[in-house]
PDB file of all heavy atoms in Angstrom:
ATOM      1  N   LEU A   1       6.002 -19.244   4.480  1.00  0.00           N
ATOM      2  CA  LEU A   1       6.680 -20.159   5.399  1.00  0.00           C
ATOM      3  C   LEU A   1       8.197 -20.092   5.226  1.00  0.00           C
ATOM      4  O   LEU A   1       8.953 -20.149   6.199  1.00  0.00           O
ATOM      5  CB  LEU A   1       6.195 -21.596   5.156  1.00  0.00           C
ATOM      6  CG  LEU A   1       4.766 -21.916   5.581  1.00  0.00           C
ATOM      7  CD1 LEU A   1       4.370 -23.311   5.124  1.00  0.00           C
ATOM      8  CD2 LEU A   1       4.636 -21.797   7.108  1.00  0.00           C
ATOM      9  N   ILE A   2       8.649 -19.954   3.987  1.00  0.00           N
ATOM     10  CA  ILE A   2      10.091 -19.856   3.724  1.00  0.00           C
ATOM     11  C   ILE A   2      10.652 -18.567   4.327  1.00  0.00           C
ATOM     12  O   ILE A   2      11.750 -18.553   4.896  1.00  0.00           O
ATOM     13  CB  ILE A   2      10.357 -19.911   2.210  1.00  0.00           C
ATOM     14  CG1 ILE A   2       9.962 -21.289   1.658  1.00  0.00           C
ATOM     15  CG2 ILE A   2      11.826 -19.625   1.902  1.00  0.00           C
ATOM     16  CD1 ILE A   2       9.989 -21.389   0.157  1.00  0.00           C
ATOM     17  N   ASP A   3       9.892 -17.472   4.225  1.00  0.00           N
ATOM     18  CA  ASP A   3      10.348 -16.203   4.791  1.00  0.00           C
ATOM     19  C   ASP A   3      10.439 -16.253   6.314  1.00  0.00           C
ATOM     20  O   ASP A   3      11.333 -15.657   6.920  1.00  0.00           O
ATOM     21  CB  ASP A   3       9.386 -15.076   4.375  1.00  0.00           C
ATOM     22  CG  ASP A   3       9.758 -14.496   3.026  1.00  0.00           C
ATOM     23  OD1 ASP A   3      10.937 -14.613   2.643  1.00  0.00           O
ATOM     24  OD2 ASP A   3       8.881 -13.939   2.354  1.00  0.00           O
ATOM     25  N   ASN A   4       9.532 -16.974   6.935  1.00  0.00           N
ATOM     26  CA  ASN A   4       9.476 -17.005   8.395  1.00  0.00           C
ATOM     27  C   ASN A   4      10.278 -18.157   9.002  1.00  0.00           C
ATOM     28  O   ASN A   4      10.347 -18.252  10.237  1.00  0.00           O
ATOM     29  CB  ASN A   4       8.012 -17.108   8.853  1.00  0.00           C
ATOM     30  CG  ASN A   4       7.211 -15.890   8.469  1.00  0.00           C
ATOM     31  OD1 ASN A   4       7.743 -14.770   8.447  1.00  0.00           O
ATOM     32  ND2 ASN A   4       5.938 -16.085   8.150  1.00  0.00           N
ATOM     33  N   TYR A   5      10.868 -18.987   8.160  1.00  0.00           N
ATOM     34  CA  TYR A   5      11.658 -20.102   8.686  1.00  0.00           C
ATOM     35  C   TYR A   5      12.936 -19.557   9.346  1.00  0.00           C
ATOM     36  O   TYR A   5      13.551 -18.609   8.850  1.00  0.00           O
ATOM     37  CB  TYR A   5      12.018 -21.069   7.561  1.00  0.00           C
ATOM     38  CG  TYR A   5      12.716 -22.328   8.038  1.00  0.00           C
ATOM     39  CD1 TYR A   5      11.983 -23.407   8.499  1.00  0.00           C
ATOM     40  CD2 TYR A   5      14.113 -22.421   8.029  1.00  0.00           C
ATOM     41  CE1 TYR A   5      12.605 -24.565   8.942  1.00  0.00           C
ATOM     42  CE2 TYR A   5      14.744 -23.563   8.480  1.00  0.00           C
ATOM     43  CZ  TYR A   5      13.997 -24.638   8.933  1.00  0.00           C
ATOM     44  OH  TYR A   5      14.627 -25.771   9.384  1.00  0.00           O
ATOM     45  N   PRO A   6      13.361 -20.136  10.490  1.00  0.00           N
ATOM     46  CA  PRO A   6      14.566 -19.625  11.187  1.00  0.00           C
ATOM     47  C   PRO A   6      15.877 -20.034  10.513  1.00  0.00           C
ATOM     48  O   PRO A   6      16.606 -20.898  10.990  1.00  0.00           O
ATOM     49  CB  PRO A   6      14.437 -20.245  12.587  1.00  0.00           C
ATOM     50  CG  PRO A   6      13.684 -21.520  12.366  1.00  0.00           C
ATOM     51  CD  PRO A   6      12.689 -21.212  11.266  1.00  0.00           C
ATOM     52  N   TRP A   7      16.167 -19.432   9.355  1.00  0.00           N
ATOM     53  CA  TRP A   7      17.426 -19.701   8.671  1.00  0.00           C
ATOM     54  C   TRP A   7      18.602 -19.159   9.477  1.00  0.00           C
ATOM     55  O   TRP A   7      18.432 -18.281  10.328  1.00  0.00           O
ATOM     56  CB  TRP A   7      17.419 -19.057   7.280  1.00  0.00           C
ATOM     57  CG  TRP A   7      16.263 -19.489   6.415  1.00  0.00           C
ATOM     58  CD1 TRP A   7      15.153 -18.766   6.132  1.00  0.00           C
ATOM     59  CD2 TRP A   7      16.102 -20.743   5.758  1.00  0.00           C
ATOM     60  NE1 TRP A   7      14.303 -19.474   5.324  1.00  0.00           N
ATOM     61  CE2 TRP A   7      14.864 -20.698   5.077  1.00  0.00           C
ATOM     62  CE3 TRP A   7      16.870 -21.897   5.665  1.00  0.00           C
ATOM     63  CZ2 TRP A   7      14.380 -21.754   4.322  1.00  0.00           C
ATOM     64  CZ3 TRP A   7      16.394 -22.964   4.916  1.00  0.00           C
ATOM     65  CH2 TRP A   7      15.174 -22.887   4.257  1.00  0.00           C
ATOM     66  N   GLU A   8      19.787 -19.634   9.175  1.00  0.00           N
ATOM     67  CA  GLU A   8      20.979 -19.211   9.919  1.00  0.00           C
ATOM     68  C   GLU A   8      21.308 -17.745   9.683  1.00  0.00           C
ATOM     69  O   GLU A   8      21.854 -17.073  10.565  1.00  0.00           O
ATOM     70  CB  GLU A   8      22.179 -20.086   9.544  1.00  0.00           C
ATOM     71  CG  GLU A   8      22.026 -21.550   9.973  1.00  0.00           C
ATOM     72  CD  GLU A   8      23.246 -22.374   9.604  1.00  0.00           C
ATOM     73  OE1 GLU A   8      24.215 -21.779   9.077  1.00  0.00           O
ATOM     74  OE2 GLU A   8      23.233 -23.595   9.840  1.00  0.00           O
ATOM     75  N   ASN A   9      21.025 -17.247   8.480  1.00  0.00           N
ATOM     76  CA  ASN A   9      21.321 -15.846   8.171  1.00  0.00           C
ATOM     77  C   ASN A   9      20.360 -15.364   7.089  1.00  0.00           C
ATOM     78  O   ASN A   9      19.599 -16.145   6.501  1.00  0.00           O
ATOM     79  CB  ASN A   9      22.779 -15.667   7.729  1.00  0.00           C
ATOM     80  CG  ASN A   9      23.159 -16.639   6.611  1.00  0.00           C
ATOM     81  OD1 ASN A   9      22.586 -16.600   5.534  1.00  0.00           O
ATOM     82  ND2 ASN A   9      24.127 -17.514   6.890  1.00  0.00           N
ATOM     83  N   SER A  10      20.406 -14.059   6.841  1.00  0.00           N
ATOM     84  CA  SER A  10      19.487 -13.453   5.874  1.00  0.00           C
ATOM     85  C   SER A  10      19.782 -13.893   4.443  1.00  0.00           C
ATOM     86  O   SER A  10      18.881 -13.928   3.601  1.00  0.00           O
ATOM     87  CB  SER A  10      19.567 -11.928   5.974  1.00  0.00           C
ATOM     88  OG  SER A  10      20.899 -11.486   5.700  1.00  0.00           O
ATOM     89  N   PHE A  11      21.062 -14.216   4.162  1.00  0.00           N
ATOM     90  CA  PHE A  11      21.405 -14.668   2.809  1.00  0.00           C
ATOM     91  C   PHE A  11      20.636 -15.936   2.444  1.00  0.00           C
ATOM     92  O   PHE A  11      20.069 -16.045   1.348  1.00  0.00           O
ATOM     93  CB  PHE A  11      22.915 -14.923   2.701  1.00  0.00           C
ATOM     94  CG  PHE A  11      23.302 -15.648   1.436  1.00  0.00           C
ATOM     95  CD1 PHE A  11      23.362 -14.979   0.221  1.00  0.00           C
ATOM     96  CD2 PHE A  11      23.594 -17.014   1.459  1.00  0.00           C
ATOM     97  CE1 PHE A  11      23.698 -15.651  -0.943  1.00  0.00           C
ATOM     98  CE2 PHE A  11      23.932 -17.693   0.303  1.00  0.00           C
ATOM     99  CZ  PHE A  11      23.988 -17.004  -0.903  1.00  0.00           C
ATOM    100  N   LEU A  12      20.613 -16.913   3.359  1.00  0.00           N
ATOM    101  CA  LEU A  12      19.893 -18.149   3.094  1.00  0.00           C
ATOM    102  C   LEU A  12      18.399 -17.893   2.916  1.00  0.00           C
ATOM    103  O   LEU A  12      17.754 -18.532   2.085  1.00  0.00           O
ATOM    104  CB  LEU A  12      20.128 -19.151   4.236  1.00  0.00           C
ATOM    105  CG  LEU A  12      21.532 -19.738   4.361  1.00  0.00           C
ATOM    106  CD1 LEU A  12      21.615 -20.662   5.576  1.00  0.00           C
ATOM    107  CD2 LEU A  12      21.920 -20.490   3.099  1.00  0.00           C
ATOM    108  N   ARG A  13      17.853 -16.948   3.707  1.00  0.00           N
ATOM    109  CA  ARG A  13      16.432 -16.641   3.591  1.00  0.00           C
ATOM    110  C   ARG A  13      16.108 -16.087   2.205  1.00  0.00           C
ATOM    111  O   ARG A  13      15.175 -16.541   1.533  1.00  0.00           O
ATOM    112  CB  ARG A  13      16.020 -15.649   4.667  1.00  0.00           C
ATOM    113  CG  ARG A  13      14.559 -15.178   4.526  1.00  0.00           C
ATOM    114  CD  ARG A  13      14.120 -14.257   5.645  1.00  0.00           C
ATOM    115  NE  ARG A  13      13.986 -15.002   6.894  1.00  0.00           N
ATOM    116  CZ  ARG A  13      14.863 -14.961   7.900  1.00  0.00           C
ATOM    117  NH1 ARG A  13      15.948 -14.188   7.788  1.00  0.00           N
ATOM    118  NH2 ARG A  13      14.697 -15.658   8.997  1.00  0.00           N
ATOM    119  N   HIS A  14      16.888 -15.115   1.756  1.00  0.00           N
ATOM    120  CA  HIS A  14      16.641 -14.499   0.447  1.00  0.00           C
ATOM    121  C   HIS A  14      16.925 -15.482  -0.692  1.00  0.00           C
ATOM    122  O   HIS A  14      16.178 -15.528  -1.679  1.00  0.00           O
ATOM    123  CB  HIS A  14      17.496 -13.245   0.285  1.00  0.00           C
ATOM    124  CG  HIS A  14      17.128 -12.148   1.241  1.00  0.00           C
ATOM    125  ND1 HIS A  14      15.837 -11.734   1.441  1.00  0.00           N
ATOM    126  CD2 HIS A  14      17.902 -11.388   2.063  1.00  0.00           C
ATOM    127  CE1 HIS A  14      15.804 -10.764   2.327  1.00  0.00           C
ATOM    128  NE2 HIS A  14      17.065 -10.533   2.729  1.00  0.00           N
ATOM    129  N   ARG A  15      17.997 -16.256  -0.559  1.00  0.00           N
ATOM    130  CA  ARG A  15      18.331 -17.209  -1.618  1.00  0.00           C
ATOM    131  C   ARG A  15      17.249 -18.267  -1.781  1.00  0.00           C
ATOM    132  O   ARG A  15      16.793 -18.551  -2.899  1.00  0.00           O
ATOM    133  CB  ARG A  15      19.666 -17.896  -1.306  1.00  0.00           C
ATOM    134  CG  ARG A  15      20.165 -18.817  -2.421  1.00  0.00           C
ATOM    135  CD  ARG A  15      21.157 -19.840  -1.912  1.00  0.00           C
ATOM    136  NE  ARG A  15      20.524 -20.783  -0.978  1.00  0.00           N
ATOM    137  CZ  ARG A  15      21.170 -21.819  -0.429  1.00  0.00           C
ATOM    138  NH1 ARG A  15      22.442 -22.024  -0.690  1.00  0.00           N
ATOM    139  NH2 ARG A  15      20.539 -22.619   0.412  1.00  0.00           N
ATOM    140  N   ASN A  16      16.824 -18.851  -0.661  1.00  0.00           N
ATOM    141  CA  ASN A  16      15.831 -19.924  -0.730  1.00  0.00           C
ATOM    142  C   ASN A  16      14.467 -19.406  -1.166  1.00  0.00           C
ATOM    143  O   ASN A  16      13.717 -20.099  -1.856  1.00  0.00           O
ATOM    144  CB  ASN A  16      15.724 -20.622   0.625  1.00  0.00           C
ATOM    145  CG  ASN A  16      17.009 -21.354   0.982  1.00  0.00           C
ATOM    146  OD1 ASN A  16      17.815 -21.677   0.110  1.00  0.00           O
ATOM    147  ND2 ASN A  16      17.214 -21.615   2.258  1.00  0.00           N
ATOM    148  N   HIS A  17      14.157 -18.180  -0.771  1.00  0.00           N
ATOM    149  CA  HIS A  17      12.911 -17.570  -1.244  1.00  0.00           C
ATOM    150  C   HIS A  17      12.958 -17.399  -2.761  1.00  0.00           C
ATOM    151  O   HIS A  17      11.971 -17.671  -3.468  1.00  0.00           O
ATOM    152  CB  HIS A  17      12.685 -16.215  -0.554  1.00  0.00           C
ATOM    153  CG  HIS A  17      11.405 -15.557  -0.947  1.00  0.00           C
ATOM    154  ND1 HIS A  17      11.255 -14.823  -2.100  1.00  0.00           N
ATOM    155  CD2 HIS A  17      10.183 -15.549  -0.331  1.00  0.00           C
ATOM    156  CE1 HIS A  17      10.020 -14.379  -2.191  1.00  0.00           C
ATOM    157  NE2 HIS A  17       9.347 -14.801  -1.127  1.00  0.00           N
ATOM    158  N   ALA A  18      14.110 -16.963  -3.290  1.00  0.00           N
ATOM    159  CA  ALA A  18      14.265 -16.784  -4.736  1.00  0.00           C
ATOM    160  C   ALA A  18      14.168 -18.118  -5.474  1.00  0.00           C
ATOM    161  O   ALA A  18      13.572 -18.200  -6.555  1.00  0.00           O
ATOM    162  CB  ALA A  18      15.601 -16.103  -5.035  1.00  0.00           C
ATOM    163  N   ILE A  19      14.747 -19.168  -4.885  1.00  0.00           N
ATOM    164  CA  ILE A  19      14.709 -20.492  -5.513  1.00  0.00           C
ATOM    165  C   ILE A  19      13.270 -20.996  -5.634  1.00  0.00           C
ATOM    166  O   ILE A  19      12.820 -21.396  -6.714  1.00  0.00           O
ATOM    167  CB  ILE A  19      15.565 -21.492  -4.706  1.00  0.00           C
ATOM    168  CG1 ILE A  19      17.054 -21.189  -4.889  1.00  0.00           C
ATOM    169  CG2 ILE A  19      15.264 -22.928  -5.149  1.00  0.00           C
ATOM    170  CD1 ILE A  19      17.967 -22.045  -4.026  1.00  0.00           C
ATOM    171  N   PHE A  20      12.538 -20.951  -4.533  1.00  0.00           N
ATOM    172  CA  PHE A  20      11.165 -21.464  -4.553  1.00  0.00           C
ATOM    173  C   PHE A  20      10.245 -20.572  -5.383  1.00  0.00           C
ATOM    174  O   PHE A  20       9.328 -21.061  -6.040  1.00  0.00           O
ATOM    175  CB  PHE A  20      10.632 -21.605  -3.118  1.00  0.00           C
ATOM    176  CG  PHE A  20      11.053 -22.873  -2.452  1.00  0.00           C
ATOM    177  CD1 PHE A  20      12.249 -22.941  -1.754  1.00  0.00           C
ATOM    178  CD2 PHE A  20      10.269 -24.015  -2.535  1.00  0.00           C
ATOM    179  CE1 PHE A  20      12.654 -24.112  -1.139  1.00  0.00           C
ATOM    180  CE2 PHE A  20      10.667 -25.198  -1.923  1.00  0.00           C
ATOM    181  CZ  PHE A  20      11.865 -25.255  -1.225  1.00  0.00           C
ATOM    182  N   ALA A  21      10.480 -19.274  -5.360  1.00  0.00           N
ATOM    183  CA  ALA A  21       9.673 -18.375  -6.173  1.00  0.00           C
ATOM    184  C   ALA A  21       9.891 -18.647  -7.661  1.00  0.00           C
ATOM    185  O   ALA A  21       8.943 -18.611  -8.457  1.00  0.00           O
ATOM    186  CB  ALA A  21      10.014 -16.922  -5.837  1.00  0.00           C
ATOM    187  N   THR A  22      11.130 -18.951  -8.041  1.00  0.00           N
ATOM    188  CA  THR A  22      11.423 -19.276  -9.439  1.00  0.00           C
ATOM    189  C   THR A  22      10.765 -20.589  -9.837  1.00  0.00           C
ATOM    190  O   THR A  22      10.221 -20.716 -10.939  1.00  0.00           O
ATOM    191  CB  THR A  22      12.948 -19.355  -9.658  1.00  0.00           C
ATOM    192  OG1 THR A  22      13.565 -18.147  -9.233  1.00  0.00           O
ATOM    193  CG2 THR A  22      13.268 -19.589 -11.125  1.00  0.00           C
ATOM    194  N   PHE A  23      10.815 -21.583  -8.954  1.00  0.00           N
ATOM    195  CA  PHE A  23      10.125 -22.843  -9.209  1.00  0.00           C
ATOM    196  C   PHE A  23       8.631 -22.600  -9.460  1.00  0.00           C
ATOM    197  O   PHE A  23       8.049 -23.116 -10.415  1.00  0.00           O
ATOM    198  CB  PHE A  23      10.278 -23.791  -8.015  1.00  0.00           C
ATOM    199  CG  PHE A  23      11.541 -24.597  -8.024  1.00  0.00           C
ATOM    200  CD1 PHE A  23      12.260 -24.778  -6.849  1.00  0.00           C
ATOM    201  CD2 PHE A  23      12.009 -25.186  -9.181  1.00  0.00           C
ATOM    202  CE1 PHE A  23      13.423 -25.525  -6.847  1.00  0.00           C
ATOM    203  CE2 PHE A  23      13.173 -25.937  -9.189  1.00  0.00           C
ATOM    204  CZ  PHE A  23      13.885 -26.111  -8.017  1.00  0.00           C
ATOM    205  N   LEU A  24       8.022 -21.809  -8.579  1.00  0.00           N
ATOM    206  CA  LEU A  24       6.573 -21.618  -8.629  1.00  0.00           C
ATOM    207  C   LEU A  24       6.133 -20.733  -9.796  1.00  0.00           C
ATOM    208  O   LEU A  24       5.163 -21.047 -10.490  1.00  0.00           O
ATOM    209  CB  LEU A  24       6.096 -20.998  -7.313  1.00  0.00           C
ATOM    210  CG  LEU A  24       6.229 -21.882  -6.067  1.00  0.00           C
ATOM    211  CD1 LEU A  24       5.968 -21.064  -4.805  1.00  0.00           C
ATOM    212  CD2 LEU A  24       5.268 -23.060  -6.142  1.00  0.00           C
ATOM    213  N   MET A  25       6.844 -19.638 -10.027  1.00  0.00           N
ATOM    214  CA  MET A  25       6.399 -18.655 -11.017  1.00  0.00           C
ATOM    215  C   MET A  25       6.866 -18.955 -12.441  1.00  0.00           C
ATOM    216  O   MET A  25       6.174 -18.629 -13.403  1.00  0.00           O
ATOM    217  CB  MET A  25       6.891 -17.251 -10.605  1.00  0.00           C
ATOM    218  CG  MET A  25       6.514 -16.861  -9.183  1.00  0.00           C
ATOM    219  SD  MET A  25       4.730 -16.998  -8.866  1.00  0.00           S
ATOM    220  CE  MET A  25       4.666 -16.600  -7.127  1.00  0.00           C
TER     221      MET A  25
END
């Protein structure tokens, strides 16, 4: 869902994916 969310740019997509992945893993 984070990957497919309409973020403003690719930086926010990759950053937020990294944040949530770190939380989870």
